[in-house]
Amino acid sequence: MLSIIIFAISAGVLLDAIVGLVGSRRDIGFGWSFLISVLFTPLIGLIVVLLSPALPAGAPPRYGCLGRSFGCLGTVLLVAIVASLLLGLALLFVPIV
């Protein structure tokens, strides 16, 4: 049960991080797009990001310090997703005593 909860939270944060990465190429930036998608849903966050104007061609992405922090958090949660999947697979092969 715990691995399912960890997987669900990790998958949600991963979707939010993907919306944030899309937002880093827009005027809204990574941090705001990530925060909007966490507060509402990733779908609402993606709609808000796509409605914001795109950055000019050749402009660097707008990650900011908030974006780097969430990027590290997303990496940690991605590892948690893999760990929960491996734990679930391991529990399938352990005999019940």
C-alpha atoms as a PDB file:
ATOM      1  CA  MET A   1       0.000   0.000   0.000  1.00  0.00           C
ATOM      2  CA  LEU A   2       2.831   2.355   0.854  1.00  0.00           C
ATOM      3  CA  SER A   3       4.505   1.763  -2.493  1.00  0.00           C
ATOM      4  CA  ILE A   4       1.254   2.704  -4.274  1.00  0.00           C
ATOM      5  CA  ILE A   5       1.055   5.973  -2.345  1.00  0.00           C
ATOM      6  CA  ILE A   6       4.703   6.758  -3.049  1.00  0.00           C
ATOM      7  CA  PHE A   7       4.180   5.969  -6.733  1.00  0.00           C
ATOM      8  CA  ALA A   8       1.077   8.176  -6.986  1.00  0.00           C
ATOM      9  CA  ILE A   9       2.737  11.173  -5.322  1.00  0.00           C
ATOM     10  CA  SER A  10       5.909  10.713  -7.350  1.00  0.00           C
ATOM     11  CA  ALA A  11       4.013  10.437 -10.619  1.00  0.00           C
ATOM     12  CA  GLY A  12       2.070  13.601  -9.820  1.00  0.00           C
ATOM     13  CA  VAL A  13       5.200  15.566  -9.039  1.00  0.00           C
ATOM     14  CA  LEU A  14       6.854  14.187 -12.175  1.00  0.00           C
ATOM     15  CA  LEU A  15       3.951  15.442 -14.307  1.00  0.00           C
ATOM     16  CA  ASP A  16       4.204  18.819 -12.564  1.00  0.00           C
ATOM     17  CA  ALA A  17       7.922  18.930 -13.328  1.00  0.00           C
ATOM     18  CA  ILE A  18       7.253  18.190 -16.993  1.00  0.00           C
ATOM     19  CA  VAL A  19       4.791  21.096 -17.105  1.00  0.00           C
ATOM     20  CA  GLY A  20       7.491  23.208 -15.442  1.00  0.00           C
ATOM     21  CA  LEU A  21      10.004  22.265 -18.113  1.00  0.00           C
ATOM     22  CA  VAL A  22       7.527  23.284 -20.810  1.00  0.00           C
ATOM     23  CA  GLY A  23       7.034  26.561 -18.927  1.00  0.00           C
ATOM     24  CA  SER A  24      10.768  27.220 -18.816  1.00  0.00           C
ATOM     25  CA  ARG A  25      10.633  27.997 -22.553  1.00  0.00           C
ATOM     26  CA  ARG A  26       7.759  30.421 -22.016  1.00  0.00           C
ATOM     27  CA  ASP A  27       7.478  33.822 -20.388  1.00  0.00           C
ATOM     28  CA  ILE A  28       5.929  32.304 -17.243  1.00  0.00           C
ATOM     29  CA  GLY A  29       9.112  30.394 -16.338  1.00  0.00           C
ATOM     30  CA  PHE A  30       9.619  27.070 -14.604  1.00  0.00           C
ATOM     31  CA  GLY A  31       8.787  28.070 -11.048  1.00  0.00           C
ATOM     32  CA  TRP A  32       5.386  29.635 -11.685  1.00  0.00           C
ATOM     33  CA  SER A  33       4.289  26.907 -14.079  1.00  0.00           C
ATOM     34  CA  PHE A  34       5.326  24.213 -11.592  1.00  0.00           C
ATOM     35  CA  LEU A  35       3.551  25.972  -8.735  1.00  0.00           C
ATOM     36  CA  ILE A  36       0.345  26.433 -10.741  1.00  0.00           C
ATOM     37  CA  SER A  37       0.322  22.788 -11.766  1.00  0.00           C
ATOM     38  CA  VAL A  38       0.879  21.673  -8.153  1.00  0.00           C
ATOM     39  CA  LEU A  39      -1.876  23.911  -6.782  1.00  0.00           C
ATOM     40  CA  PHE A  40      -4.423  22.978  -9.446  1.00  0.00           C
ATOM     41  CA  THR A  41      -3.687  20.024 -11.745  1.00  0.00           C
ATOM     42  CA  PRO A  42      -1.001  19.355 -14.352  1.00  0.00           C
ATOM     43  CA  LEU A  43      -3.629  19.789 -17.074  1.00  0.00           C
ATOM     44  CA  ILE A  44      -4.644  23.269 -15.829  1.00  0.00           C
ATOM     45  CA  GLY A  45      -0.952  24.129 -15.442  1.00  0.00           C
ATOM     46  CA  LEU A  46      -0.249  23.051 -19.009  1.00  0.00           C
ATOM     47  CA  ILE A  47      -3.133  25.160 -20.313  1.00  0.00           C
ATOM     48  CA  VAL A  48      -1.834  28.219 -18.431  1.00  0.00           C
ATOM     49  CA  VAL A  49       1.693  27.608 -19.722  1.00  0.00           C
ATOM     50  CA  LEU A  50       0.553  27.256 -23.320  1.00  0.00           C
ATOM     51  CA  LEU A  51      -1.455  30.487 -23.033  1.00  0.00           C
ATOM     52  CA  SER A  52       1.614  32.456 -21.879  1.00  0.00           C
ATOM     53  CA  PRO A  53       3.790  34.006 -24.598  1.00  0.00           C
ATOM     54  CA  ALA A  54       6.840  32.099 -25.798  1.00  0.00           C
ATOM     55  CA  LEU A  55      10.354  33.408 -25.179  1.00  0.00           C
ATOM     56  CA  PRO A  56      12.108  34.999 -28.162  1.00  0.00           C
ATOM     57  CA  ALA A  57      14.194  32.698 -30.337  1.00  0.00           C
ATOM     58  CA  GLY A  58      17.641  32.123 -28.883  1.00  0.00           C
ATOM     59  CA  ALA A  59      16.681  33.229 -25.359  1.00  0.00           C
ATOM     60  CA  PRO A  60      17.904  30.912 -22.605  1.00  0.00           C
ATOM     61  CA  PRO A  61      15.284  28.941 -20.658  1.00  0.00           C
ATOM     62  CA  ARG A  62      13.965  30.536 -17.464  1.00  0.00           C
ATOM     63  CA  TYR A  63      14.632  28.042 -14.694  1.00  0.00           C
ATOM     64  CA  GLY A  64      15.661  30.315 -11.833  1.00  0.00           C
ATOM     65  CA  CYS A  65      16.722  29.090  -8.401  1.00  0.00           C
ATOM     66  CA  LEU A  66      13.230  27.720  -7.786  1.00  0.00           C
ATOM     67  CA  GLY A  67      13.463  25.673 -10.955  1.00  0.00           C
ATOM     68  CA  ARG A  68      16.785  24.133 -10.019  1.00  0.00           C
ATOM     69  CA  SER A  69      15.457  23.236  -6.584  1.00  0.00           C
ATOM     70  CA  PHE A  70      12.391  21.562  -8.071  1.00  0.00           C
ATOM     71  CA  GLY A  71      14.577  19.843 -10.635  1.00  0.00           C
ATOM     72  CA  CYS A  72      16.556  18.250  -7.831  1.00  0.00           C
ATOM     73  CA  LEU A  73      13.307  17.326  -6.072  1.00  0.00           C
ATOM     74  CA  GLY A  74      11.993  15.783  -9.281  1.00  0.00           C
ATOM     75  CA  THR A  75      15.131  13.691  -9.606  1.00  0.00           C
ATOM     76  CA  VAL A  76      14.756  12.433  -6.053  1.00  0.00           C
ATOM     77  CA  LEU A  77      11.108  11.566  -6.659  1.00  0.00           C
ATOM     78  CA  LEU A  78      11.970   9.810  -9.916  1.00  0.00           C
ATOM     79  CA  VAL A  79      14.342   7.619  -7.930  1.00  0.00           C
ATOM     80  CA  ALA A  80      11.476   7.022  -5.466  1.00  0.00           C
ATOM     81  CA  ILE A  81       9.249   5.890  -8.344  1.00  0.00           C
ATOM     82  CA  VAL A  82      11.836   3.392  -9.518  1.00  0.00           C
ATOM     83  CA  ALA A  83      12.428   2.200  -5.942  1.00  0.00           C
ATOM     84  CA  SER A  84       8.707   1.676  -5.348  1.00  0.00           C
ATOM     85  CA  LEU A  85       8.378  -0.266  -8.595  1.00  0.00           C
ATOM     86  CA  LEU A  86      11.336  -2.460  -7.686  1.00  0.00           C
ATOM     87  CA  LEU A  87       9.936  -2.969  -4.186  1.00  0.00           C
ATOM     88  CA  GLY A  88       6.584  -3.982  -5.657  1.00  0.00           C
ATOM     89  CA  LEU A  89       8.265  -6.453  -7.992  1.00  0.00           C
ATOM     90  CA  ALA A  90      10.355  -7.858  -5.149  1.00  0.00           C
ATOM     91  CA  LEU A  91       7.248  -8.376  -3.015  1.00  0.00           C
ATOM     92  CA  LEU A  92       5.680 -10.407  -5.808  1.00  0.00           C
ATOM     93  CA  PHE A  93       8.440 -12.985  -5.568  1.00  0.00           C
ATOM     94  CA  VAL A  94       8.739 -13.168  -1.774  1.00  0.00           C
ATOM     95  CA  PRO A  95       6.790 -16.142  -0.407  1.00  0.00           C
ATOM     96  CA  ILE A  96       4.154 -15.298   2.187  1.00  0.00           C
ATOM     97  CA  VAL A  97       4.865 -17.111   5.451  1.00  0.00           C
END
